N, C-alpha and C. Protein backbone atom coordinates (compact mmCIF):
# COMPACT_ATOMS: atom_id res chain seq x y z
N MET A 1 -11.16 -16.70 -85.01
CA MET A 1 -11.46 -18.13 -85.07
C MET A 1 -12.95 -18.33 -84.87
N ASN A 2 -13.51 -19.23 -85.66
CA ASN A 2 -14.93 -19.56 -85.54
C ASN A 2 -15.09 -20.87 -84.80
N ILE A 3 -16.21 -21.02 -84.12
CA ILE A 3 -16.48 -22.28 -83.42
C ILE A 3 -17.19 -23.22 -84.38
N LYS A 4 -16.75 -24.44 -84.45
CA LYS A 4 -17.39 -25.47 -85.25
C LYS A 4 -17.63 -26.66 -84.34
N SER A 5 -18.87 -27.01 -84.13
CA SER A 5 -19.20 -28.01 -83.12
C SER A 5 -18.74 -29.42 -83.44
N ASN A 6 -18.48 -29.75 -84.71
CA ASN A 6 -18.09 -31.12 -85.00
C ASN A 6 -16.58 -31.29 -85.19
N SER A 7 -15.79 -30.31 -84.81
CA SER A 7 -14.35 -30.50 -84.82
C SER A 7 -13.99 -31.50 -83.74
N ILE A 8 -12.94 -32.25 -83.95
CA ILE A 8 -12.54 -33.27 -83.00
C ILE A 8 -11.07 -33.06 -82.64
N LEU A 9 -10.78 -33.19 -81.39
CA LEU A 9 -9.40 -33.21 -80.91
C LEU A 9 -9.15 -34.62 -80.42
N ILE A 10 -8.17 -35.28 -80.98
CA ILE A 10 -7.84 -36.62 -80.53
C ILE A 10 -6.64 -36.50 -79.60
N LEU A 11 -6.81 -36.97 -78.38
CA LEU A 11 -5.72 -37.02 -77.43
C LEU A 11 -5.18 -38.43 -77.50
N ASP A 12 -3.96 -38.56 -77.95
CA ASP A 12 -3.42 -39.87 -78.26
C ASP A 12 -2.10 -40.09 -77.56
N LEU A 13 -2.02 -41.19 -76.86
CA LEU A 13 -0.79 -41.54 -76.17
C LEU A 13 0.13 -42.36 -77.05
N LEU A 14 -0.27 -42.63 -78.28
CA LEU A 14 0.54 -43.39 -79.21
C LEU A 14 1.79 -42.59 -79.55
N ALA A 15 2.88 -43.25 -79.72
CA ALA A 15 4.16 -42.59 -79.96
C ALA A 15 4.29 -42.17 -81.43
N PHE A 16 3.87 -40.96 -81.75
CA PHE A 16 4.06 -40.47 -83.11
C PHE A 16 5.47 -39.91 -83.27
N ALA A 17 5.99 -39.29 -82.24
CA ALA A 17 7.35 -38.75 -82.31
C ALA A 17 8.33 -39.91 -82.27
N LYS A 18 9.39 -39.79 -83.04
CA LYS A 18 10.35 -40.88 -83.14
C LYS A 18 11.38 -40.85 -82.03
N ASP A 19 11.45 -39.77 -81.30
CA ASP A 19 12.43 -39.71 -80.22
C ASP A 19 11.73 -39.96 -78.89
N SER A 20 12.50 -39.97 -77.84
CA SER A 20 11.91 -40.21 -76.53
C SER A 20 11.75 -38.90 -75.78
N ALA A 21 11.44 -37.84 -76.54
CA ALA A 21 11.30 -36.51 -75.96
C ALA A 21 10.21 -36.52 -74.89
N SER A 22 10.35 -35.62 -73.94
CA SER A 22 9.39 -35.57 -72.84
C SER A 22 8.46 -34.38 -72.96
N LYS A 23 8.07 -34.03 -74.17
CA LYS A 23 7.16 -32.91 -74.42
C LYS A 23 5.95 -33.40 -75.19
N GLY A 24 4.82 -32.73 -75.01
CA GLY A 24 3.62 -33.04 -75.76
C GLY A 24 3.65 -32.36 -77.11
N CYS A 25 2.88 -32.91 -78.06
CA CYS A 25 2.90 -32.41 -79.42
C CYS A 25 1.50 -32.44 -80.02
N LEU A 26 1.09 -31.33 -80.64
CA LEU A 26 -0.19 -31.23 -81.32
C LEU A 26 0.06 -31.31 -82.82
N MET A 27 -0.64 -32.24 -83.50
CA MET A 27 -0.38 -32.48 -84.92
C MET A 27 -1.66 -32.55 -85.73
N ALA A 28 -1.55 -32.12 -86.98
CA ALA A 28 -2.60 -32.33 -87.98
C ALA A 28 -2.18 -33.55 -88.77
N MET A 29 -2.90 -34.65 -88.58
CA MET A 29 -2.57 -35.91 -89.24
C MET A 29 -3.27 -35.97 -90.60
N PHE A 30 -2.57 -36.53 -91.59
CA PHE A 30 -3.15 -36.66 -92.92
C PHE A 30 -3.53 -38.11 -93.17
N ASN A 31 -4.73 -38.29 -93.67
CA ASN A 31 -5.24 -39.61 -94.04
C ASN A 31 -5.53 -39.57 -95.54
N GLY A 32 -5.94 -40.67 -96.08
CA GLY A 32 -6.38 -40.72 -97.46
C GLY A 32 -5.27 -40.60 -98.48
N SER A 33 -5.61 -40.05 -99.63
CA SER A 33 -4.69 -40.08 -100.76
C SER A 33 -3.40 -39.30 -100.52
N VAL A 34 -3.48 -38.17 -99.84
CA VAL A 34 -2.25 -37.38 -99.65
C VAL A 34 -1.27 -38.12 -98.74
N ALA A 35 -1.76 -38.80 -97.73
CA ALA A 35 -0.89 -39.59 -96.87
C ALA A 35 -0.29 -40.75 -97.64
N THR A 36 -1.12 -41.43 -98.42
CA THR A 36 -0.66 -42.55 -99.23
C THR A 36 0.41 -42.09 -100.22
N GLU A 37 0.19 -40.94 -100.85
CA GLU A 37 1.16 -40.41 -101.81
C GLU A 37 2.48 -40.04 -101.14
N ALA A 38 2.42 -39.44 -99.96
CA ALA A 38 3.65 -39.06 -99.26
C ALA A 38 4.44 -40.30 -98.86
N LEU A 39 3.76 -41.31 -98.34
CA LEU A 39 4.43 -42.54 -97.95
C LEU A 39 5.04 -43.25 -99.16
N ALA A 40 4.30 -43.29 -100.27
CA ALA A 40 4.80 -43.94 -101.49
C ALA A 40 5.99 -43.18 -102.07
N PHE A 41 5.93 -41.85 -102.03
CA PHE A 41 7.04 -41.03 -102.53
C PHE A 41 8.30 -41.31 -101.73
N ALA A 42 8.18 -41.34 -100.41
CA ALA A 42 9.34 -41.60 -99.56
C ALA A 42 9.88 -43.01 -99.79
N GLN A 43 9.00 -43.98 -99.94
CA GLN A 43 9.42 -45.36 -100.17
C GLN A 43 10.17 -45.48 -101.50
N LYS A 44 9.66 -44.82 -102.51
CA LYS A 44 10.25 -44.91 -103.85
C LYS A 44 11.56 -44.12 -103.97
N ASN A 45 11.64 -42.96 -103.32
CA ASN A 45 12.74 -42.03 -103.58
C ASN A 45 13.83 -41.98 -102.52
N LEU A 46 13.58 -42.52 -101.34
CA LEU A 46 14.60 -42.49 -100.29
C LEU A 46 15.26 -43.86 -100.20
N ASP A 47 16.48 -43.92 -100.66
CA ASP A 47 17.24 -45.17 -100.67
C ASP A 47 17.53 -45.61 -99.24
N ASP A 48 17.30 -46.88 -98.96
CA ASP A 48 17.54 -47.42 -97.62
C ASP A 48 18.96 -47.15 -97.14
N ASN A 49 19.92 -47.16 -98.05
CA ASN A 49 21.33 -46.95 -97.68
C ASN A 49 21.61 -45.51 -97.25
N ASN A 50 20.71 -44.60 -97.58
CA ASN A 50 20.91 -43.18 -97.24
C ASN A 50 20.06 -42.72 -96.06
N LEU A 51 19.32 -43.63 -95.45
CA LEU A 51 18.46 -43.24 -94.34
C LEU A 51 19.28 -43.03 -93.06
N ALA A 52 18.90 -42.01 -92.31
CA ALA A 52 19.46 -41.78 -90.98
C ALA A 52 18.71 -42.73 -90.02
N PRO A 53 19.13 -42.82 -88.77
CA PRO A 53 18.49 -43.77 -87.83
C PRO A 53 16.96 -43.67 -87.73
N ASP A 54 16.37 -42.48 -87.82
CA ASP A 54 14.91 -42.38 -87.70
C ASP A 54 14.18 -42.78 -88.98
N GLY A 55 14.89 -42.91 -90.08
CA GLY A 55 14.32 -43.44 -91.32
C GLY A 55 13.21 -42.62 -91.93
N ARG A 56 12.29 -43.32 -92.58
CA ARG A 56 11.16 -42.68 -93.24
C ARG A 56 10.07 -42.36 -92.21
N GLU A 57 9.36 -41.27 -92.43
CA GLU A 57 8.20 -40.94 -91.60
C GLU A 57 7.10 -41.95 -91.93
N THR A 58 6.42 -42.44 -90.93
CA THR A 58 5.38 -43.45 -91.15
C THR A 58 3.97 -42.90 -90.93
N GLU A 59 3.85 -41.70 -90.37
CA GLU A 59 2.55 -41.10 -90.12
C GLU A 59 2.58 -39.64 -90.60
N PRO A 60 2.23 -39.42 -91.88
CA PRO A 60 2.30 -38.05 -92.42
C PRO A 60 1.46 -37.07 -91.61
N HIS A 61 2.10 -35.97 -91.22
CA HIS A 61 1.43 -34.96 -90.40
C HIS A 61 2.17 -33.63 -90.51
N VAL A 62 1.49 -32.59 -90.07
CA VAL A 62 2.12 -31.29 -89.85
C VAL A 62 2.05 -31.03 -88.35
N THR A 63 3.19 -30.78 -87.74
CA THR A 63 3.20 -30.42 -86.32
C THR A 63 2.65 -29.01 -86.18
N ILE A 64 1.65 -28.86 -85.36
CA ILE A 64 1.08 -27.54 -85.08
C ILE A 64 1.88 -26.87 -83.97
N LEU A 65 2.14 -27.60 -82.89
CA LEU A 65 2.94 -27.06 -81.80
C LEU A 65 3.56 -28.19 -81.00
N TYR A 66 4.86 -28.15 -80.87
CA TYR A 66 5.60 -29.13 -80.08
C TYR A 66 6.17 -28.42 -78.86
N GLY A 67 6.20 -29.10 -77.73
CA GLY A 67 6.86 -28.55 -76.55
C GLY A 67 5.99 -28.38 -75.34
N PHE A 68 4.78 -28.99 -75.34
CA PHE A 68 3.91 -28.91 -74.17
C PHE A 68 4.57 -29.63 -73.00
N GLU A 69 4.58 -28.98 -71.85
CA GLU A 69 5.16 -29.57 -70.65
C GLU A 69 4.32 -30.78 -70.21
N PRO A 70 4.94 -31.76 -69.55
CA PRO A 70 4.22 -32.98 -69.15
C PRO A 70 2.98 -32.73 -68.31
N GLU A 71 2.99 -31.70 -67.48
CA GLU A 71 1.84 -31.44 -66.61
C GLU A 71 0.76 -30.57 -67.27
N PHE A 72 0.89 -30.29 -68.57
CA PHE A 72 -0.07 -29.45 -69.27
C PHE A 72 -1.47 -30.04 -69.20
N ASP A 73 -2.47 -29.20 -68.88
CA ASP A 73 -3.86 -29.61 -68.78
C ASP A 73 -4.49 -29.58 -70.17
N THR A 74 -4.64 -30.74 -70.80
CA THR A 74 -5.13 -30.81 -72.18
C THR A 74 -6.58 -30.36 -72.32
N SER A 75 -7.34 -30.29 -71.23
CA SER A 75 -8.71 -29.79 -71.35
C SER A 75 -8.72 -28.32 -71.77
N LEU A 76 -7.67 -27.59 -71.41
CA LEU A 76 -7.55 -26.19 -71.84
C LEU A 76 -7.30 -26.11 -73.34
N LEU A 77 -6.56 -27.06 -73.86
CA LEU A 77 -6.27 -27.11 -75.29
C LEU A 77 -7.55 -27.41 -76.07
N ALA A 78 -8.35 -28.32 -75.57
CA ALA A 78 -9.60 -28.67 -76.23
C ALA A 78 -10.50 -27.45 -76.41
N THR A 79 -10.55 -26.58 -75.43
CA THR A 79 -11.35 -25.36 -75.53
C THR A 79 -10.86 -24.46 -76.65
N GLU A 80 -9.55 -24.32 -76.78
CA GLU A 80 -8.98 -23.47 -77.83
C GLU A 80 -9.16 -24.07 -79.21
N ILE A 81 -9.03 -25.38 -79.33
CA ILE A 81 -9.20 -26.05 -80.62
C ILE A 81 -10.64 -25.91 -81.10
N GLY A 82 -11.58 -25.90 -80.19
CA GLY A 82 -12.99 -25.77 -80.55
C GLY A 82 -13.31 -24.45 -81.24
N LYS A 83 -12.43 -23.50 -81.15
CA LYS A 83 -12.63 -22.21 -81.81
C LYS A 83 -12.17 -22.24 -83.27
N GLN A 84 -11.51 -23.31 -83.67
CA GLN A 84 -10.95 -23.45 -85.01
C GLN A 84 -11.92 -24.25 -85.88
N GLU A 85 -12.27 -23.74 -87.05
CA GLU A 85 -13.17 -24.48 -87.95
C GLU A 85 -12.48 -25.67 -88.57
N SER A 86 -11.40 -25.45 -89.25
CA SER A 86 -10.60 -26.50 -89.86
C SER A 86 -9.24 -25.87 -90.18
N LEU A 87 -8.32 -26.69 -90.60
CA LEU A 87 -7.01 -26.20 -91.01
C LEU A 87 -6.82 -26.57 -92.47
N ASP A 88 -6.54 -25.59 -93.30
CA ASP A 88 -6.32 -25.83 -94.72
C ASP A 88 -4.83 -25.75 -95.02
N PHE A 89 -4.35 -26.70 -95.82
CA PHE A 89 -2.95 -26.77 -96.19
C PHE A 89 -2.83 -26.82 -97.71
N THR A 90 -1.88 -26.07 -98.25
CA THR A 90 -1.51 -26.16 -99.66
C THR A 90 -0.06 -26.60 -99.70
N PHE A 91 0.20 -27.69 -100.38
CA PHE A 91 1.55 -28.25 -100.41
C PHE A 91 2.41 -27.55 -101.45
N GLY A 92 3.69 -27.50 -101.14
CA GLY A 92 4.67 -26.91 -102.04
C GLY A 92 5.69 -27.96 -102.47
N ALA A 93 6.91 -27.50 -102.67
CA ALA A 93 7.99 -28.36 -103.15
C ALA A 93 8.63 -29.14 -102.01
N VAL A 94 9.39 -30.14 -102.37
CA VAL A 94 10.21 -30.89 -101.42
C VAL A 94 11.45 -30.06 -101.12
N SER A 95 11.81 -30.00 -99.86
CA SER A 95 13.02 -29.27 -99.44
C SER A 95 13.61 -30.00 -98.24
N ARG A 96 14.57 -29.39 -97.58
CA ARG A 96 15.22 -30.06 -96.44
C ARG A 96 15.56 -29.08 -95.33
N PHE A 97 15.58 -29.63 -94.13
CA PHE A 97 16.20 -28.97 -92.98
C PHE A 97 17.54 -29.66 -92.79
N GLU A 98 18.58 -28.89 -92.62
CA GLU A 98 19.89 -29.48 -92.35
C GLU A 98 20.13 -29.45 -90.85
N CYS A 99 20.35 -30.62 -90.28
CA CYS A 99 20.65 -30.77 -88.87
C CYS A 99 22.11 -31.21 -88.74
N PRO A 100 22.70 -31.12 -87.57
CA PRO A 100 24.10 -31.52 -87.43
C PRO A 100 24.37 -32.98 -87.80
N GLU A 101 23.47 -33.90 -87.44
CA GLU A 101 23.72 -35.33 -87.65
C GLU A 101 23.08 -35.89 -88.92
N TYR A 102 22.05 -35.23 -89.46
CA TYR A 102 21.29 -35.75 -90.60
C TYR A 102 20.54 -34.60 -91.26
N ASP A 103 19.88 -34.87 -92.37
CA ASP A 103 18.99 -33.91 -93.01
C ASP A 103 17.56 -34.43 -92.92
N VAL A 104 16.61 -33.53 -92.87
CA VAL A 104 15.19 -33.89 -92.85
C VAL A 104 14.61 -33.49 -94.21
N LEU A 105 14.16 -34.47 -94.99
CA LEU A 105 13.48 -34.17 -96.25
C LEU A 105 12.01 -33.99 -95.94
N LYS A 106 11.42 -32.92 -96.51
CA LYS A 106 10.06 -32.54 -96.14
C LYS A 106 9.33 -31.93 -97.32
N ILE A 107 8.02 -31.89 -97.20
CA ILE A 107 7.17 -31.17 -98.15
C ILE A 107 6.79 -29.86 -97.48
N ASP A 108 7.14 -28.75 -98.11
CA ASP A 108 6.75 -27.45 -97.56
C ASP A 108 5.23 -27.32 -97.65
N THR A 109 4.64 -26.67 -96.66
CA THR A 109 3.21 -26.41 -96.71
C THR A 109 2.95 -24.94 -96.42
N ASN A 110 1.93 -24.44 -97.06
CA ASN A 110 1.46 -23.09 -96.79
C ASN A 110 0.12 -23.24 -96.09
N SER A 111 0.03 -22.65 -94.91
CA SER A 111 -1.21 -22.77 -94.15
C SER A 111 -1.36 -21.60 -93.19
N PRO A 112 -2.01 -20.52 -93.64
CA PRO A 112 -2.27 -19.42 -92.71
C PRO A 112 -3.03 -19.90 -91.47
N ASP A 113 -3.91 -20.90 -91.63
CA ASP A 113 -4.68 -21.44 -90.50
C ASP A 113 -3.75 -22.04 -89.45
N SER A 114 -2.79 -22.86 -89.88
CA SER A 114 -1.90 -23.49 -88.90
C SER A 114 -0.95 -22.46 -88.29
N GLN A 115 -0.54 -21.48 -89.09
CA GLN A 115 0.31 -20.41 -88.55
C GLN A 115 -0.43 -19.67 -87.43
N LYS A 116 -1.68 -19.30 -87.72
CA LYS A 116 -2.49 -18.57 -86.74
C LYS A 116 -2.70 -19.40 -85.48
N LEU A 117 -3.05 -20.69 -85.66
CA LEU A 117 -3.29 -21.55 -84.50
C LEU A 117 -2.01 -21.76 -83.70
N HIS A 118 -0.89 -22.00 -84.38
CA HIS A 118 0.40 -22.21 -83.71
C HIS A 118 0.73 -21.03 -82.79
N TYR A 119 0.71 -19.83 -83.35
CA TYR A 119 1.10 -18.66 -82.56
C TYR A 119 0.06 -18.31 -81.50
N HIS A 120 -1.21 -18.58 -81.77
CA HIS A 120 -2.24 -18.36 -80.75
C HIS A 120 -2.01 -19.27 -79.55
N LEU A 121 -1.81 -20.57 -79.81
CA LEU A 121 -1.58 -21.53 -78.71
C LEU A 121 -0.28 -21.23 -77.99
N ARG A 122 0.72 -20.86 -78.73
CA ARG A 122 2.02 -20.55 -78.12
C ARG A 122 1.91 -19.36 -77.17
N THR A 123 1.13 -18.36 -77.59
CA THR A 123 0.92 -17.18 -76.74
C THR A 123 0.02 -17.52 -75.56
N LYS A 124 -1.07 -18.20 -75.84
CA LYS A 124 -2.05 -18.53 -74.80
C LYS A 124 -1.44 -19.41 -73.70
N PHE A 125 -0.61 -20.37 -74.09
CA PHE A 125 -0.06 -21.33 -73.13
C PHE A 125 1.45 -21.17 -72.97
N GLY A 126 1.93 -19.96 -73.13
CA GLY A 126 3.36 -19.68 -73.08
C GLY A 126 4.11 -20.29 -71.91
N ASP A 127 3.52 -20.29 -70.74
CA ASP A 127 4.18 -20.84 -69.56
C ASP A 127 4.21 -22.37 -69.56
N SER A 128 3.38 -22.99 -70.41
CA SER A 128 3.28 -24.45 -70.44
C SER A 128 3.91 -25.06 -71.68
N VAL A 129 4.56 -24.23 -72.49
CA VAL A 129 5.16 -24.70 -73.75
C VAL A 129 6.59 -24.22 -73.83
N SER A 130 7.50 -25.14 -74.13
CA SER A 130 8.90 -24.80 -74.38
C SER A 130 9.16 -24.99 -75.86
N VAL A 131 9.33 -23.89 -76.58
CA VAL A 131 9.52 -23.94 -78.02
C VAL A 131 11.00 -23.86 -78.34
N SER A 132 11.47 -24.81 -79.16
CA SER A 132 12.90 -24.84 -79.49
C SER A 132 13.22 -24.05 -80.76
N HIS A 133 12.20 -23.76 -81.58
CA HIS A 133 12.41 -23.00 -82.81
C HIS A 133 11.54 -21.74 -82.77
N PRO A 134 12.15 -20.56 -82.84
CA PRO A 134 11.36 -19.34 -82.70
C PRO A 134 10.40 -19.07 -83.86
N VAL A 135 10.71 -19.58 -85.05
CA VAL A 135 9.86 -19.36 -86.22
C VAL A 135 9.23 -20.69 -86.62
N TYR A 136 7.94 -20.67 -86.85
CA TYR A 136 7.19 -21.87 -87.20
C TYR A 136 7.17 -22.06 -88.71
N HIS A 137 7.60 -23.23 -89.17
CA HIS A 137 7.61 -23.59 -90.59
C HIS A 137 6.80 -24.87 -90.78
N PRO A 138 5.51 -24.76 -91.08
CA PRO A 138 4.72 -25.99 -91.25
C PRO A 138 5.24 -26.82 -92.43
N HIS A 139 5.32 -28.13 -92.21
CA HIS A 139 5.84 -29.04 -93.25
C HIS A 139 5.41 -30.46 -92.94
N VAL A 140 5.52 -31.31 -93.95
CA VAL A 140 5.26 -32.74 -93.80
C VAL A 140 6.61 -33.44 -93.97
N THR A 141 7.09 -34.10 -92.94
CA THR A 141 8.36 -34.81 -93.03
C THR A 141 8.20 -36.07 -93.85
N LEU A 142 9.12 -36.26 -94.80
CA LEU A 142 9.16 -37.49 -95.60
C LEU A 142 10.10 -38.51 -94.97
N GLY A 143 11.25 -38.00 -94.48
CA GLY A 143 12.20 -38.92 -93.87
C GLY A 143 13.46 -38.21 -93.41
N TYR A 144 14.26 -38.97 -92.68
CA TYR A 144 15.52 -38.50 -92.12
C TYR A 144 16.63 -39.22 -92.89
N VAL A 145 17.51 -38.42 -93.52
CA VAL A 145 18.54 -39.00 -94.38
C VAL A 145 19.93 -38.55 -93.97
N LYS A 146 20.93 -39.29 -94.43
CA LYS A 146 22.31 -38.93 -94.16
C LYS A 146 22.60 -37.56 -94.75
N LYS A 147 23.48 -36.82 -94.10
CA LYS A 147 23.83 -35.45 -94.51
C LYS A 147 24.14 -35.40 -96.00
N GLY A 148 23.46 -34.48 -96.69
CA GLY A 148 23.73 -34.22 -98.09
C GLY A 148 23.16 -35.22 -99.07
N SER A 149 22.52 -36.28 -98.59
CA SER A 149 22.00 -37.27 -99.54
C SER A 149 20.67 -36.82 -100.14
N HIS A 150 20.38 -37.33 -101.28
CA HIS A 150 19.14 -37.08 -102.02
C HIS A 150 18.94 -35.61 -102.38
N LYS A 151 20.01 -34.94 -102.75
CA LYS A 151 19.91 -33.53 -103.20
C LYS A 151 19.03 -33.42 -104.45
N GLU A 152 18.92 -34.53 -105.21
CA GLU A 152 18.11 -34.53 -106.43
C GLU A 152 16.63 -34.30 -106.12
N LEU A 153 16.22 -34.49 -104.88
CA LEU A 153 14.82 -34.29 -104.51
C LEU A 153 14.51 -32.84 -104.13
N ASP A 154 15.54 -32.04 -103.83
CA ASP A 154 15.31 -30.64 -103.48
C ASP A 154 14.61 -29.94 -104.64
N GLY A 155 13.47 -29.33 -104.35
CA GLY A 155 12.70 -28.62 -105.38
C GLY A 155 11.72 -29.51 -106.13
N ASN A 156 11.68 -30.80 -105.86
CA ASN A 156 10.75 -31.69 -106.52
C ASN A 156 9.33 -31.17 -106.28
N ASN A 157 8.53 -31.10 -107.33
CA ASN A 157 7.19 -30.51 -107.19
C ASN A 157 6.05 -31.53 -107.30
N ALA A 158 6.31 -32.78 -106.92
CA ALA A 158 5.29 -33.83 -106.99
C ALA A 158 4.04 -33.48 -106.18
N PHE A 159 4.17 -32.65 -105.16
CA PHE A 159 3.03 -32.32 -104.29
C PHE A 159 2.55 -30.88 -104.49
N GLN A 160 3.23 -30.14 -105.33
CA GLN A 160 2.96 -28.72 -105.55
C GLN A 160 1.48 -28.47 -105.84
N GLY A 161 0.87 -27.60 -105.04
CA GLY A 161 -0.51 -27.18 -105.28
C GLY A 161 -1.59 -28.09 -104.70
N LYS A 162 -1.23 -29.25 -104.18
CA LYS A 162 -2.24 -30.13 -103.58
C LYS A 162 -2.80 -29.45 -102.34
N LYS A 163 -4.10 -29.59 -102.15
CA LYS A 163 -4.78 -28.94 -101.02
C LYS A 163 -5.44 -30.00 -100.14
N VAL A 164 -5.33 -29.78 -98.84
CA VAL A 164 -5.93 -30.69 -97.86
C VAL A 164 -6.54 -29.85 -96.75
N SER A 165 -7.71 -30.26 -96.30
CA SER A 165 -8.36 -29.63 -95.15
C SER A 165 -8.44 -30.66 -94.04
N VAL A 166 -8.07 -30.27 -92.83
CA VAL A 166 -8.04 -31.17 -91.68
C VAL A 166 -8.96 -30.62 -90.60
N SER A 167 -9.83 -31.50 -90.04
CA SER A 167 -10.71 -31.08 -88.95
C SER A 167 -10.46 -31.89 -87.69
N GLU A 168 -9.39 -32.71 -87.69
CA GLU A 168 -8.99 -33.45 -86.51
C GLU A 168 -7.54 -33.16 -86.20
N LEU A 169 -7.27 -32.96 -84.93
CA LEU A 169 -5.91 -32.76 -84.48
C LEU A 169 -5.57 -33.84 -83.47
N THR A 170 -4.36 -34.29 -83.48
CA THR A 170 -3.90 -35.34 -82.57
C THR A 170 -2.93 -34.73 -81.58
N TYR A 171 -3.15 -35.02 -80.31
CA TYR A 171 -2.22 -34.60 -79.27
C TYR A 171 -1.48 -35.84 -78.80
N SER A 172 -0.17 -35.83 -78.93
CA SER A 172 0.66 -36.93 -78.47
C SER A 172 1.26 -36.53 -77.13
N TYR A 173 0.91 -37.29 -76.10
CA TYR A 173 1.41 -37.01 -74.76
C TYR A 173 2.90 -37.27 -74.64
N PRO A 174 3.56 -36.61 -73.70
CA PRO A 174 4.98 -36.88 -73.45
C PRO A 174 5.24 -38.32 -73.03
N ASP A 175 4.29 -38.92 -72.30
CA ASP A 175 4.43 -40.30 -71.85
C ASP A 175 4.00 -41.22 -73.00
N LYS A 176 4.95 -41.83 -73.65
CA LYS A 176 4.67 -42.66 -74.81
C LYS A 176 4.38 -44.12 -74.45
N SER A 177 4.27 -44.43 -73.17
CA SER A 177 4.15 -45.83 -72.76
C SER A 177 2.75 -46.42 -72.97
N SER A 178 1.73 -45.59 -72.98
CA SER A 178 0.36 -46.09 -73.13
C SER A 178 -0.09 -45.99 -74.58
N ARG A 179 -1.01 -46.82 -75.00
CA ARG A 179 -1.55 -46.76 -76.35
C ARG A 179 -3.04 -46.46 -76.35
N LYS A 180 -3.54 -45.92 -75.26
CA LYS A 180 -4.95 -45.58 -75.13
C LYS A 180 -5.24 -44.29 -75.89
N LYS A 181 -6.40 -44.20 -76.53
CA LYS A 181 -6.84 -42.99 -77.22
C LYS A 181 -8.07 -42.43 -76.53
N MET A 182 -8.12 -41.12 -76.47
CA MET A 182 -9.30 -40.43 -75.97
C MET A 182 -9.75 -39.47 -77.06
N ILE A 183 -11.02 -39.44 -77.38
CA ILE A 183 -11.54 -38.50 -78.37
C ILE A 183 -12.45 -37.52 -77.66
N LEU A 184 -12.18 -36.25 -77.86
CA LEU A 184 -13.01 -35.18 -77.29
C LEU A 184 -13.68 -34.44 -78.42
N LYS A 185 -15.01 -34.33 -78.38
CA LYS A 185 -15.72 -33.53 -79.37
C LYS A 185 -15.80 -32.12 -78.82
N VAL A 186 -15.41 -31.19 -79.64
CA VAL A 186 -15.42 -29.79 -79.21
C VAL A 186 -16.24 -28.93 -80.15
């Protein structure tokens, strides 16, 4: 990892996660055209009648690492993020995760940078992170749908080959009650 002095880590207490989970989450947020396209795709292609309770994703992002314990010292995270130049993502096809209660429609992403950062942080802060999935699959969630709905979108290549570089990461604290933002330059 290289150090880049103008990388930014945003520590954000805003509730990006749709559940009331009590874990912290580090995310690469997408702005601009790719975010607009993902939101428009979900709005156009996900029928309201087929949405699960969490509905459409409203803040396109790739989760880098979920599961930070509430007492995690985020200043330690800022030091590690400062070693990362940027994160590059190449988008793939639309696919799904099947969960017991609903399916998650998502855009697959290929990102050796996010893979490397995920496993580095997971190893570095192992005692402060509870990971629920042993294998990391970077993706952009489009929405949560009823089981088996929208199978016609599986394999859709509307995003295939699009490339995005991210130099800001957002940390969402477990305590979702505050809306204060802190920006740390690293």
